[in-house]
Amino acid sequence: MQLLFFEAERAWAYSQELNLQATQATTNPKAPKGHDSDPSALRRHATSRLRRAVHWSTQLLSHCQTLCSSGRLSTNDYIQATVYTLIINGRLFRHRYEFEDALVQLSVARGLLDELASKAATSRDQALATAFADEIGPEIRHCAHEMRLQNSYDVDAIVMNVAPKHRSQLVEDYDKVLASLGKEVDSAGHGRQKLETLIWEDEPVPVRNPELVDVLLRVQEAEKPLSEGNELEEQRDAQEAAEGSKKGRLGKGARSKRGVAAYDAILLALSDAEEVARKLVEAQQLAGSSSSAAPAGTRDIAFVHAFVVYQLLSYRIQRDLLLISTLLHQSQAVHAPRAAGGSAPKSRKERVDARLYPAIVKLLDTTIQSLEQMRALTIVDESPDLASAVEARQEFTKARRCRYLARCYAPLKKYAEALTLTQHANIHLRSARSTLAVLTDSESDPITFYRLLPANVDQLDKDVLEDSTEYKRDWFAYNGGSVNEAARKTYKKPLFFDIALNYVQLDMDRLQERAGKVVEKAPQQAAAAPTAEKKTTARVVEEVERAETPEPSTAAKGGLGSLLGGWWGRK
């Protein structure tokens, strides 16, 4: 049987090569004439090779029918041999310009392929049947066009009109064969893996290539641990919240590691799927450039490629966001016991690892890059709501990046750069807020893997404002708010402030508290503090009784006493 199949394929391929040579000889009249370059001779030779292909395929079908009747061959294989024979016969009739007979043969073959696709036990078998159906679709359309049939572009309608009339004549015991095929699928199809239907905007995504089905099955297998892990985490969080336990905080790091590993497996499988889809698109484009008619399935393959890229970018964004939340959670968990122990909280530059914020900025850069690539996809550009949602998340992520980048500059005493970044963050937040205003209904948000609500934008705006106030306070305390770094060495308080401190007692602790600085009081200072305090709602001005300022002696001359003697000596 394999030998017969190879002989039929060899004869058909040789006939196609001869037809190509005949076409080239016709289009190039300057070529030397001979027996090997005569178009008529080449076409006759091609016809004879097609007859040989029909002969070998008919013998193959006869052997398959015998083996199927004895139970040594499955019904699925017998139907495939029948489809192959019908296709070879249809191409012979089409080559001889007998378009009516060719249309009948090809339509019955297309009907059998549709039955194989609908009753396939695996997704790969379904994709194989669909691929062969798409291959003979243009040939059916050409025959209908030559016969001047109405709606010749609608292949499915032509097949439904022609195939039922002739399938019983061309296929022996057609109904019994289909019934036997259904029984085989029901008995052997249990336990076999099938690809779940991919949905995009409430419509199924067509996957019509066996190579693509194989890699998408691996993606589907990689997604199962992630979905199961998310369900378990939700159950644990709900249980711990009900019990009031804090184990969830302690175990979040380990769960995050498992989540990152699951995302890595998904991204690896999606990378393979994207490579296969891209090669299929390139092959279709190359085939389309060499022929006058566009190949079947080009649009479907391009759409699937864009869909796979979208899924790849979405999982990459989820992984980066998970890493960011894990880093922030670990930083807070390390210093939480200090705050709970009663010790005074330290400033950010003292309690945060210097590597934290640069790492977060790097992850946010990757997220912004993924969002930009997602926005450039055709399937995103064709959906206005989806495009607006992606743009809103771009601006929000840029604002987060500016905030954490400012926190990288603040420990280096570069307060001007930090404040500039906070201003840029405010600009991005205004843009994100205006873009989200278009998507008024949060339930209709097309992006579910990156939730963004107006409350998130407001919270980030509040955090940026607090950071900006702190940077201004630290900057003024550092060098008086001067941009010049050299001003820190020459910065001095006014002269009269130093003179006033010699005569006025200031409550430095109160001033530190009003400045936002937390100062620990010494035990001896706390004991010496007066027990009675004045409780008033209005502003309190303490007057300190002190001795009258002595007048300078008349004998003092020169120096600071002679300069200020007139001021203190006035009556």
Protein backbone atom coordinates (compact mmCIF):
# COMPACT_ATOMS: atom_id res chain seq x y z
CA MET A 1 0.00 0.00 0.00
CA GLN A 2 2.82 2.38 0.75
CA LEU A 3 4.43 1.52 -2.57
CA LEU A 4 1.20 2.28 -4.43
CA PHE A 5 0.84 5.57 -2.58
CA PHE A 6 4.43 6.60 -3.39
CA GLU A 7 3.94 5.72 -7.06
CA ALA A 8 0.77 7.83 -7.23
CA GLU A 9 2.49 10.77 -5.53
CA ARG A 10 5.52 10.50 -7.82
CA ALA A 11 3.36 10.49 -10.95
CA TRP A 12 1.29 13.46 -9.74
CA ALA A 13 4.39 15.50 -8.80
CA TYR A 14 5.97 14.79 -12.19
CA SER A 15 2.83 15.97 -13.95
CA GLN A 16 2.89 19.23 -12.00
CA GLU A 17 6.51 19.80 -12.98
CA LEU A 18 5.68 19.21 -16.65
CA ASN A 19 2.77 21.66 -16.47
CA LEU A 20 5.10 24.28 -15.03
CA GLN A 21 7.59 23.73 -17.85
CA ALA A 22 4.80 24.04 -20.42
CA THR A 23 3.66 27.31 -18.88
CA GLN A 24 7.19 28.71 -18.90
CA ALA A 25 7.68 27.68 -22.53
CA THR A 26 4.45 29.41 -23.51
CA THR A 27 5.26 32.64 -21.74
CA ASN A 28 8.84 32.75 -23.11
CA PRO A 29 8.61 32.69 -26.94
CA LYS A 30 12.35 33.36 -27.38
CA ALA A 31 13.29 30.02 -25.90
CA PRO A 32 14.75 27.45 -28.39
CA LYS A 33 12.12 25.12 -29.81
CA GLY A 34 12.49 21.38 -29.41
CA HIS A 35 10.76 18.28 -28.32
CA ASP A 36 11.61 18.97 -24.68
CA SER A 37 10.40 22.58 -24.86
CA ASP A 38 7.23 22.12 -26.92
CA PRO A 39 4.26 23.23 -24.76
CA SER A 40 1.86 20.83 -26.43
CA ALA A 41 4.16 17.86 -25.93
CA LEU A 42 4.75 18.80 -22.32
CA ARG A 43 1.01 19.02 -21.63
CA ARG A 44 0.37 15.63 -23.25
CA HIS A 45 3.15 14.13 -21.18
CA ALA A 46 1.67 15.71 -18.03
CA THR A 47 -1.75 14.27 -18.85
CA SER A 48 -0.30 10.81 -19.23
CA ARG A 49 1.45 11.09 -15.86
CA LEU A 50 -1.84 12.18 -14.26
CA ARG A 51 -3.52 9.08 -15.69
CA ARG A 52 -0.79 6.98 -14.11
CA ALA A 53 -1.45 8.71 -10.77
CA VAL A 54 -5.16 7.90 -11.07
CA HIS A 55 -4.28 4.28 -11.88
CA TRP A 56 -2.06 3.87 -8.83
CA SER A 57 -4.54 5.65 -6.52
CA THR A 58 -7.40 3.42 -7.76
CA GLN A 59 -5.39 0.30 -6.97
CA LEU A 60 -4.60 1.75 -3.54
CA LEU A 61 -8.30 2.33 -2.87
CA SER A 62 -9.14 -1.23 -3.95
CA HIS A 63 -6.63 -2.71 -1.50
CA CYS A 64 -7.87 -0.45 1.30
CA GLN A 65 -11.46 -1.49 0.66
CA THR A 66 -10.52 -5.15 0.90
CA LEU A 67 -8.58 -4.68 4.12
CA CYS A 68 -11.36 -2.56 5.65
CA SER A 69 -14.01 -5.19 4.91
CA SER A 70 -11.87 -7.82 6.65
CA GLY A 71 -11.31 -5.60 9.67
CA ARG A 72 -7.57 -5.19 9.13
CA LEU A 73 -7.86 -1.48 8.27
CA SER A 74 -9.72 1.23 10.14
CA THR A 75 -12.58 3.15 8.59
CA ASN A 76 -10.71 6.39 9.06
CA ASP A 77 -7.81 5.17 6.88
CA TYR A 78 -10.24 3.88 4.26
CA ILE A 79 -11.99 7.26 4.05
CA GLN A 80 -8.63 9.00 3.72
CA ALA A 81 -7.69 6.72 0.78
CA THR A 82 -11.09 7.45 -0.79
CA VAL A 83 -10.57 11.21 -0.44
CA TYR A 84 -7.11 10.94 -1.99
CA THR A 85 -8.43 9.03 -5.00
CA LEU A 86 -11.27 11.51 -5.53
CA ILE A 87 -8.83 14.45 -5.41
CA ILE A 88 -6.52 12.86 -7.99
CA ASN A 89 -9.48 12.12 -10.29
CA GLY A 90 -10.80 15.66 -9.90
CA ARG A 91 -7.43 17.15 -10.81
CA LEU A 92 -7.25 14.96 -13.91
CA PHE A 93 -10.67 16.15 -15.05
CA ARG A 94 -9.72 19.73 -14.29
CA HIS A 95 -6.52 19.36 -16.30
CA ARG A 96 -8.57 18.08 -19.26
CA TYR A 97 -10.99 21.04 -18.89
CA GLU A 98 -13.84 18.74 -17.83
CA PHE A 99 -14.92 21.09 -15.06
CA GLU A 100 -18.29 19.51 -14.32
CA ASP A 101 -16.82 16.08 -13.53
CA ALA A 102 -13.98 17.72 -11.66
CA LEU A 103 -16.44 19.71 -9.54
CA VAL A 104 -18.33 16.54 -8.61
CA GLN A 105 -15.18 14.65 -7.59
CA LEU A 106 -13.73 17.53 -5.59
CA SER A 107 -17.04 18.37 -3.89
CA VAL A 108 -17.52 14.79 -2.66
CA ALA A 109 -13.91 14.77 -1.41
CA ARG A 110 -14.50 18.06 0.41
CA GLY A 111 -17.65 16.65 2.03
CA LEU A 112 -15.72 13.61 3.31
CA LEU A 113 -12.98 15.86 4.69
CA ASP A 114 -15.56 17.89 6.58
CA GLU A 115 -16.92 14.68 8.09
CA LEU A 116 -13.40 13.63 9.13
CA ALA A 117 -12.79 17.01 10.73
CA SER A 118 -16.05 16.98 12.68
CA LYS A 119 -15.55 13.41 13.95
CA ALA A 120 -11.80 13.56 14.55
CA ALA A 121 -10.57 11.98 17.78
CA THR A 122 -7.72 14.46 18.25
CA SER A 123 -7.17 18.08 17.38
CA ARG A 124 -4.25 17.17 15.13
CA ASP A 125 -6.44 14.88 12.99
CA GLN A 126 -9.02 17.66 12.79
CA ALA A 127 -6.39 20.14 11.68
CA LEU A 128 -5.08 17.74 9.03
CA ALA A 129 -8.54 17.28 7.55
CA THR A 130 -9.15 21.02 7.61
CA ALA A 131 -5.82 21.71 5.90
CA PHE A 132 -6.63 19.35 3.00
CA ALA A 133 -10.10 20.89 2.73
CA ASP A 134 -8.59 24.36 2.46
CA GLU A 135 -6.15 23.10 -0.19
CA ILE A 136 -8.85 21.91 -2.63
CA GLY A 137 -11.11 24.90 -1.93
CA PRO A 138 -9.59 27.12 -4.68
CA GLU A 139 -9.87 24.26 -7.19
CA ILE A 140 -13.61 23.95 -6.45
CA ARG A 141 -14.01 27.69 -6.82
CA HIS A 142 -12.20 27.62 -10.20
CA CYS A 143 -14.42 24.85 -11.54
CA ALA A 144 -17.57 26.68 -10.44
CA HIS A 145 -16.31 29.87 -12.05
CA GLU A 146 -15.61 28.10 -15.34
CA MET A 147 -19.12 26.60 -15.24
CA ARG A 148 -20.52 30.11 -14.59
CA LEU A 149 -22.38 29.05 -11.47
CA GLN A 150 -23.96 31.60 -9.19
CA ASN A 151 -22.07 32.35 -5.98
CA SER A 152 -18.99 30.60 -7.28
CA TYR A 153 -16.95 32.17 -4.48
CA ASP A 154 -18.92 30.32 -1.78
CA VAL A 155 -17.21 26.93 -1.60
CA ASP A 156 -19.30 25.62 1.29
CA ALA A 157 -22.57 26.32 -0.52
CA ILE A 158 -21.30 24.62 -3.68
CA VAL A 159 -20.27 21.52 -1.75
CA MET A 160 -23.61 21.31 0.05
CA ASN A 161 -25.41 21.55 -3.28
CA VAL A 162 -23.31 19.12 -5.32
CA ALA A 163 -21.95 16.50 -2.90
CA PRO A 164 -25.25 14.97 -1.64
CA LYS A 165 -26.32 14.23 -5.21
CA HIS A 166 -23.25 12.19 -6.20
CA ARG A 167 -21.61 10.89 -3.01
CA SER A 168 -23.53 7.62 -3.03
CA GLN A 169 -22.42 6.96 -6.61
CA LEU A 170 -18.75 7.68 -5.99
CA VAL A 171 -18.43 6.13 -2.51
CA GLU A 172 -19.81 2.66 -1.96
CA ASP A 173 -22.04 2.35 1.15
CA TYR A 174 -21.50 5.99 2.07
CA ASP A 175 -23.87 6.01 5.06
CA LYS A 176 -22.51 2.74 6.49
CA VAL A 177 -18.97 4.04 6.22
CA LEU A 178 -19.82 7.20 8.15
CA ALA A 179 -21.67 5.22 10.82
CA SER A 180 -18.68 2.94 11.24
CA LEU A 181 -16.42 6.00 11.53
CA GLY A 182 -18.57 7.39 14.34
CA LYS A 183 -18.38 4.12 16.27
CA GLU A 184 -14.59 4.02 15.98
CA VAL A 185 -14.26 7.57 17.27
CA ASP A 186 -16.56 6.88 20.21
CA SER A 187 -14.68 3.76 21.20
CA ALA A 188 -11.12 5.02 20.75
CA GLY A 189 -11.45 8.72 21.34
CA HIS A 190 -11.76 8.64 25.14
CA GLY A 191 -8.72 9.84 27.01
CA ARG A 192 -7.15 11.56 24.04
CA GLN A 193 -6.20 15.15 24.42
CA LYS A 194 -8.00 17.75 22.35
CA LEU A 195 -7.26 21.42 21.99
CA GLU A 196 -9.68 23.70 23.78
CA THR A 197 -11.40 26.30 21.65
CA LEU A 198 -9.52 29.58 21.61
CA ILE A 199 -11.80 32.57 22.06
CA TRP A 200 -11.17 36.13 20.90
CA GLU A 201 -13.91 38.71 21.43
CA ASP A 202 -16.54 35.99 21.92
CA GLU A 203 -15.59 34.27 18.64
CA PRO A 204 -13.52 31.10 18.11
CA VAL A 205 -10.01 31.44 16.74
CA PRO A 206 -9.44 29.20 13.68
CA VAL A 207 -6.51 26.82 14.09
CA ARG A 208 -6.12 24.94 10.81
CA ASN A 209 -2.51 23.76 10.86
CA PRO A 210 -1.32 20.52 12.51
CA GLU A 211 2.05 22.02 13.48
CA LEU A 212 0.33 24.86 15.27
CA VAL A 213 -2.05 22.49 17.04
CA ASP A 214 0.88 20.55 18.53
CA VAL A 215 2.52 23.63 20.07
CA LEU A 216 -0.80 25.03 21.30
CA LEU A 217 -1.46 21.74 23.07
CA ARG A 218 1.81 22.24 24.95
CA VAL A 219 0.69 25.74 25.89
CA GLN A 220 -2.57 24.31 27.15
CA GLU A 221 -0.72 21.77 29.29
CA ALA A 222 1.53 24.51 30.71
CA GLU A 223 -1.48 26.65 31.69
CA LYS A 224 -3.04 23.93 33.87
CA PRO A 225 -0.56 24.20 36.81
CA LEU A 226 -1.01 27.96 36.88
CA SER A 227 -4.80 27.83 36.96
CA GLU A 228 -4.77 25.10 39.60
CA GLY A 229 -2.26 27.03 41.70
CA ASN A 230 -4.34 30.20 41.52
CA GLU A 231 -7.42 28.33 42.69
CA LEU A 232 -5.54 26.80 45.62
CA GLU A 233 -4.12 30.17 46.63
CA GLU A 234 -7.55 31.76 46.57
CA GLN A 235 -8.92 29.01 48.79
CA ARG A 236 -5.99 29.34 51.22
CA ASP A 237 -6.30 33.12 51.38
CA ALA A 238 -10.01 32.88 52.08
CA GLN A 239 -9.44 30.29 54.79
CA GLU A 240 -6.65 32.25 56.43
CA ALA A 241 -8.68 35.44 56.30
CA ALA A 242 -11.55 33.68 58.02
CA GLU A 243 -9.25 32.26 60.70
CA GLY A 244 -7.27 35.46 61.16
CA SER A 245 -4.00 33.74 60.47
CA LYS A 246 -0.84 35.38 59.15
CA LYS A 247 0.59 32.33 57.45
CA GLY A 248 -0.40 33.69 54.07
CA ARG A 249 2.09 36.55 54.43
CA LEU A 250 4.89 34.25 55.34
CA GLY A 251 4.14 31.80 52.53
CA LYS A 252 3.64 34.34 49.80
CA GLY A 253 7.28 34.23 48.75
CA ALA A 254 7.20 30.49 48.10
CA ARG A 255 3.89 30.76 46.24
CA SER A 256 5.32 33.57 44.15
CA LYS A 257 8.27 31.41 43.18
CA ARG A 258 5.90 28.66 42.06
CA GLY A 259 3.88 31.23 40.10
CA VAL A 260 6.98 32.56 38.35
CA ALA A 261 8.03 29.02 37.41
CA ALA A 262 4.57 28.37 35.96
CA TYR A 263 4.74 31.59 33.95
CA ASP A 264 8.18 30.62 32.63
CA ALA A 265 6.82 27.30 31.36
CA ILE A 266 3.90 29.04 29.64
CA LEU A 267 6.18 31.64 28.05
CA LEU A 268 8.50 28.91 26.74
CA ALA A 269 5.59 27.08 25.10
CA LEU A 270 4.14 30.31 23.70
CA SER A 271 7.53 31.24 22.25
CA ASP A 272 7.56 27.96 20.32
CA ALA A 273 3.99 28.58 19.17
CA GLU A 274 4.87 32.09 18.01
CA GLU A 275 7.84 30.78 16.03
CA VAL A 276 5.72 28.12 14.30
CA ALA A 277 2.97 30.62 13.48
CA ARG A 278 5.50 33.13 12.14
CA LYS A 279 7.07 30.52 9.85
CA LEU A 280 3.64 29.54 8.57
CA VAL A 281 2.82 33.16 7.79
CA GLU A 282 6.15 33.61 5.97
CA ALA A 283 5.56 30.42 3.98
CA GLN A 284 2.08 31.57 2.97
CA GLN A 285 3.38 34.98 1.95
CA LEU A 286 6.14 33.35 -0.11
CA ALA A 287 3.66 31.04 -1.81
CA GLY A 288 1.33 33.93 -2.48
CA SER A 289 4.07 35.98 -4.11
CA SER A 290 4.87 33.19 -6.56
CA SER A 291 1.29 32.63 -7.72
CA SER A 292 -1.44 34.84 -9.03
CA ALA A 293 -4.07 33.70 -6.53
CA ALA A 294 -3.71 34.12 -2.82
CA PRO A 295 -3.44 30.82 -0.95
CA ALA A 296 -6.25 29.65 1.24
CA GLY A 297 -6.01 30.28 4.93
CA THR A 298 -3.62 33.23 4.75
CA ARG A 299 -5.87 35.46 6.81
CA ASP A 300 -6.49 32.73 9.38
CA ILE A 301 -2.79 32.04 9.86
CA ALA A 302 -1.97 35.74 10.22
CA PHE A 303 -4.79 36.17 12.73
CA VAL A 304 -3.63 33.17 14.76
CA HIS A 305 -0.08 34.53 14.77
CA ALA A 306 -1.28 37.89 16.13
CA PHE A 307 -3.38 36.08 18.73
CA VAL A 308 -0.41 33.99 19.89
CA VAL A 309 1.76 37.11 20.16
CA TYR A 310 -0.97 38.80 22.22
CA GLN A 311 -1.11 35.84 24.61
CA LEU A 312 2.68 35.79 24.87
CA LEU A 313 2.83 39.49 25.78
CA SER A 314 -0.04 39.19 28.26
CA TYR A 315 1.64 36.36 30.18
CA ARG A 316 4.94 38.24 30.11
CA ILE A 317 3.23 41.27 31.68
CA GLN A 318 1.61 39.10 34.34
CA ARG A 319 4.98 37.60 35.22
CA ASP A 320 6.61 41.02 35.57
CA LEU A 321 3.78 42.34 37.73
CA LEU A 322 4.03 39.26 39.95
CA LEU A 323 7.76 39.85 40.42
CA ILE A 324 7.14 43.50 41.32
CA SER A 325 4.50 42.65 43.92
CA THR A 326 6.76 39.92 45.35
CA LEU A 327 9.71 42.29 45.73
CA LEU A 328 7.59 44.94 47.43
CA HIS A 329 5.99 42.37 49.72
CA GLN A 330 9.34 40.93 50.77
CA SER A 331 10.69 44.41 51.49
CA GLN A 332 7.70 45.20 53.69
CA ALA A 333 7.81 41.80 55.43
CA VAL A 334 11.48 42.23 56.41
CA HIS A 335 10.86 45.49 58.25
CA ALA A 336 7.42 44.77 59.61
CA PRO A 337 8.72 43.12 62.83
CA ARG A 338 10.79 46.23 63.60
CA ALA A 339 7.77 48.44 63.42
CA ALA A 340 5.72 46.01 65.46
CA GLY A 341 8.41 45.84 68.18
CA GLY A 342 7.91 49.45 69.16
CA SER A 343 11.05 50.87 67.61
CA ALA A 344 10.79 54.08 65.68
CA PRO A 345 10.38 53.70 61.94
CA LYS A 346 13.40 54.62 59.94
CA SER A 347 13.51 56.68 56.80
CA ARG A 348 13.14 55.05 53.42
CA LYS A 349 16.77 55.44 52.47
CA GLU A 350 17.82 53.57 55.61
CA ARG A 351 15.36 50.68 55.62
CA VAL A 352 15.11 49.85 51.89
CA ASP A 353 17.68 47.83 50.04
CA ALA A 354 19.46 49.92 47.44
CA ARG A 355 18.86 47.23 44.80
CA LEU A 356 15.08 47.18 45.24
CA TYR A 357 13.98 50.24 43.30
CA PRO A 358 16.37 49.74 40.33
CA ALA A 359 15.05 46.18 39.99
CA ILE A 360 11.46 47.45 40.02
CA VAL A 361 12.31 50.08 37.40
CA LYS A 362 13.82 47.37 35.17
CA LEU A 363 10.69 45.24 35.46
CA LEU A 364 8.48 48.24 34.69
CA ASP A 365 10.60 48.97 31.61
CA THR A 366 9.95 45.45 30.38
CA THR A 367 6.23 45.86 31.07
CA ILE A 368 6.09 49.11 29.10
CA GLN A 369 7.91 47.46 26.20
CA SER A 370 5.41 44.58 26.19
CA LEU A 371 2.48 47.01 26.24
CA GLU A 372 3.94 48.96 23.31
CA GLN A 373 4.33 45.75 21.30
CA MET A 374 0.77 44.77 22.19
CA ARG A 375 -0.55 48.15 21.04
CA ALA A 376 1.13 47.67 17.64
CA LEU A 377 -0.72 44.41 16.94
CA THR A 378 -3.39 44.48 14.25
CA ILE A 379 -6.00 42.70 16.38
CA VAL A 380 -5.58 45.38 19.06
CA ASP A 381 -5.64 48.25 16.59
CA GLU A 382 -8.90 46.98 15.11
CA SER A 383 -10.65 47.14 18.51
CA PRO A 384 -11.04 50.73 19.83
CA ASP A 385 -11.88 49.67 23.39
CA LEU A 386 -8.94 47.31 23.60
CA ALA A 387 -6.60 49.94 22.17
CA SER A 388 -7.77 52.51 24.76
CA ALA A 389 -7.33 50.00 27.57
CA VAL A 390 -3.77 49.22 26.48
CA GLU A 391 -2.92 52.94 26.23
CA ALA A 392 -4.29 53.58 29.72
CA ARG A 393 -2.10 50.85 31.16
CA GLN A 394 0.88 52.24 29.28
CA GLU A 395 0.48 55.64 30.92
CA PHE A 396 -0.18 54.13 34.35
CA THR A 397 2.92 51.93 34.13
CA LYS A 398 5.03 54.91 33.01
CA ALA A 399 3.80 56.84 36.04
CA ARG A 400 4.81 53.97 38.34
CA ARG A 401 8.20 53.85 36.66
CA CYS A 402 8.73 57.59 37.22
CA ARG A 403 7.82 57.20 40.90
CA TYR A 404 10.27 54.38 41.59
CA LEU A 405 12.96 56.00 39.47
CA ALA A 406 12.62 59.12 41.62
CA ARG A 407 13.18 56.93 44.67
CA CYS A 408 16.45 55.86 43.09
CA TYR A 409 17.63 59.49 42.82
CA ALA A 410 16.57 60.61 46.31
CA PRO A 411 19.20 58.60 48.27
CA LEU A 412 21.88 60.14 46.02
CA LYS A 413 20.79 63.68 47.11
CA LYS A 414 19.59 64.44 43.57
CA TYR A 415 16.34 66.00 44.67
CA ALA A 416 15.89 68.14 41.56
CA GLU A 417 15.86 65.04 39.34
CA ALA A 418 13.50 63.26 41.74
CA LEU A 419 11.02 66.15 41.74
CA THR A 420 11.16 66.34 37.94
CA LEU A 421 10.28 62.65 37.74
CA THR A 422 7.31 63.16 40.07
CA GLN A 423 6.05 65.90 37.75
CA HIS A 424 6.35 63.50 34.80
CA ALA A 425 4.43 60.92 36.83
CA ASN A 426 1.61 63.43 37.33
CA ILE A 427 1.45 64.04 33.57
CA HIS A 428 1.19 60.30 32.86
CA LEU A 429 -1.49 59.91 35.52
CA ARG A 430 -3.60 62.67 33.98
CA SER A 431 -3.32 60.95 30.61
CA ALA A 432 -4.26 57.57 32.13
CA ARG A 433 -7.24 59.10 33.94
CA SER A 434 -8.54 60.73 30.75
CA THR A 435 -8.14 57.47 28.81
CA LEU A 436 -9.96 55.49 31.49
CA ALA A 437 -12.80 57.97 31.33
CA VAL A 438 -13.65 56.52 27.92
CA LEU A 439 -14.07 53.07 29.48
CA THR A 440 -16.75 54.05 31.94
CA ASP A 441 -18.00 50.56 32.61
CA SER A 442 -15.41 48.53 34.52
CA GLU A 443 -17.24 45.31 33.81
CA SER A 444 -16.61 45.72 30.10
CA ASP A 445 -12.84 46.11 30.50
CA PRO A 446 -11.34 43.99 27.70
CA ILE A 447 -8.08 43.42 29.59
CA THR A 448 -8.50 41.02 32.50
CA PHE A 449 -4.88 40.11 33.17
CA TYR A 450 -3.94 43.68 34.21
CA ARG A 451 -6.73 45.22 36.24
CA LEU A 452 -6.78 49.02 36.28
CA LEU A 453 -9.48 51.08 37.97
CA PRO A 454 -9.80 54.83 38.61
CA ALA A 455 -9.18 54.08 42.30
CA ASN A 456 -5.73 52.70 41.41
CA VAL A 457 -4.90 55.92 39.57
CA ASP A 458 -6.05 58.04 42.50
CA GLN A 459 -4.00 56.01 44.97
CA LEU A 460 -0.86 56.33 42.86
CA ASP A 461 -1.47 60.08 42.53
CA LYS A 462 -1.67 60.35 46.32
CA ASP A 463 1.56 58.38 46.75
CA VAL A 464 3.37 60.55 44.22
CA LEU A 465 2.21 63.69 46.06
CA GLU A 466 3.52 62.36 49.37
CA ASP A 467 6.87 61.48 47.80
CA SER A 468 7.11 64.95 46.24
CA THR A 469 6.48 66.64 49.60
CA GLU A 470 9.13 64.51 51.27
CA TYR A 471 11.68 65.27 48.55
CA LYS A 472 11.06 69.00 48.95
CA ARG A 473 11.48 68.79 52.73
CA ASP A 474 14.69 66.78 52.46
CA TRP A 475 16.06 69.07 49.79
CA PHE A 476 15.54 72.18 51.89
CA ALA A 477 17.14 70.53 54.90
CA TYR A 478 20.09 69.41 52.76
CA ASN A 479 21.20 72.69 51.13
CA GLY A 480 18.33 75.10 51.41
CA GLY A 481 16.75 74.06 48.10
CA SER A 482 19.70 75.07 45.92
CA VAL A 483 20.32 73.26 42.66
CA ASN A 484 24.05 73.91 42.87
CA GLU A 485 25.83 71.14 44.73
CA ALA A 486 28.55 73.51 45.90
CA ALA A 487 25.95 75.55 47.78
CA ARG A 488 25.80 72.84 50.44
CA LYS A 489 29.29 73.75 51.66
CA THR A 490 28.65 77.48 51.72
CA TYR A 491 25.08 77.36 52.99
CA LYS A 492 24.67 79.14 56.33
CA LYS A 493 21.76 80.35 58.36
CA PRO A 494 21.24 84.13 58.60
CA LEU A 495 23.35 85.95 61.18
CA PHE A 496 20.48 87.25 63.28
CA PHE A 497 19.16 83.70 63.78
CA ASP A 498 22.37 82.84 65.60
CA ILE A 499 22.15 86.03 67.68
CA ALA A 500 18.51 85.36 68.57
CA LEU A 501 19.32 81.87 69.85
CA ASN A 502 21.46 83.43 72.55
CA TYR A 503 18.38 85.09 74.05
CA VAL A 504 15.42 82.91 73.04
CA GLN A 505 14.72 79.39 74.25
CA LEU A 506 13.26 77.31 71.44
CA ASP A 507 11.39 74.05 71.76
CA MET A 508 13.52 72.10 69.28
CA ASP A 509 11.53 68.91 69.76
CA ARG A 510 8.35 70.71 68.79
CA LEU A 511 10.04 72.22 65.76
CA GLN A 512 11.29 68.79 64.69
CA GLU A 513 7.80 67.35 65.00
CA ARG A 514 6.30 70.14 62.90
CA ALA A 515 9.02 69.57 60.31
CA GLY A 516 8.02 65.91 60.08
CA LYS A 517 11.08 64.61 61.87
CA VAL A 518 10.59 61.99 64.58
CA VAL A 519 12.96 62.51 67.49
CA GLU A 520 13.40 60.10 70.35
CA LYS A 521 13.40 61.81 73.73
CA ALA A 522 16.07 60.87 76.22
CA PRO A 523 14.90 59.51 79.62
CA GLN A 524 16.41 62.40 81.57
CA GLN A 525 14.72 64.87 79.30
CA ALA A 526 11.40 63.17 79.78
CA ALA A 527 11.78 63.31 83.57
CA ALA A 528 12.67 66.98 83.53
CA ALA A 529 9.69 67.89 81.43
CA PRO A 530 6.91 69.76 83.30
CA THR A 531 3.85 67.73 84.16
CA ALA A 532 1.38 70.46 83.48
CA GLU A 533 0.54 71.20 79.85
CA LYS A 534 -1.59 73.86 78.38
CA LYS A 535 -4.43 72.45 76.28
CA THR A 536 -5.78 74.97 73.83
CA THR A 537 -7.28 74.66 70.38
CA ALA A 538 -5.83 77.96 69.17
CA ARG A 539 -2.26 78.67 68.34
CA VAL A 540 -0.14 78.99 71.53
CA VAL A 541 2.61 81.52 71.79
CA GLU A 542 4.88 80.97 74.78
CA GLU A 543 6.35 84.07 76.31
CA VAL A 544 9.56 83.59 78.23
CA GLU A 545 10.34 86.07 80.91
CA ARG A 546 13.92 87.11 80.81
CA ALA A 547 16.00 89.90 82.19
CA GLU A 548 16.19 93.22 80.47
CA THR A 549 18.84 93.35 77.84
CA PRO A 550 21.89 95.10 79.31
CA GLU A 551 23.06 98.20 77.60
CA PRO A 552 26.58 98.20 76.29
CA SER A 553 29.15 100.10 78.22
CA THR A 554 30.43 103.37 76.85
CA ALA A 555 33.97 102.18 77.13
CA ALA A 556 33.49 99.41 74.57
CA LYS A 557 34.64 100.58 71.20
CA GLY A 558 34.96 98.82 67.92
CA GLY A 559 33.95 95.32 67.01
CA LEU A 560 30.44 93.91 67.08
CA GLY A 561 29.61 95.96 70.25
CA SER A 562 30.26 99.25 68.55
CA LEU A 563 28.24 98.11 65.53
CA LEU A 564 25.13 97.12 67.47
CA GLY A 565 25.54 99.46 70.43
CA GLY A 566 23.26 102.05 69.01
CA TRP A 567 20.43 99.51 68.57
CA TRP A 568 20.45 98.26 72.11
CA GLY A 569 21.12 101.74 73.56
CA ARG A 570 18.02 103.35 72.11
CA LYS A 571 15.27 104.39 74.51
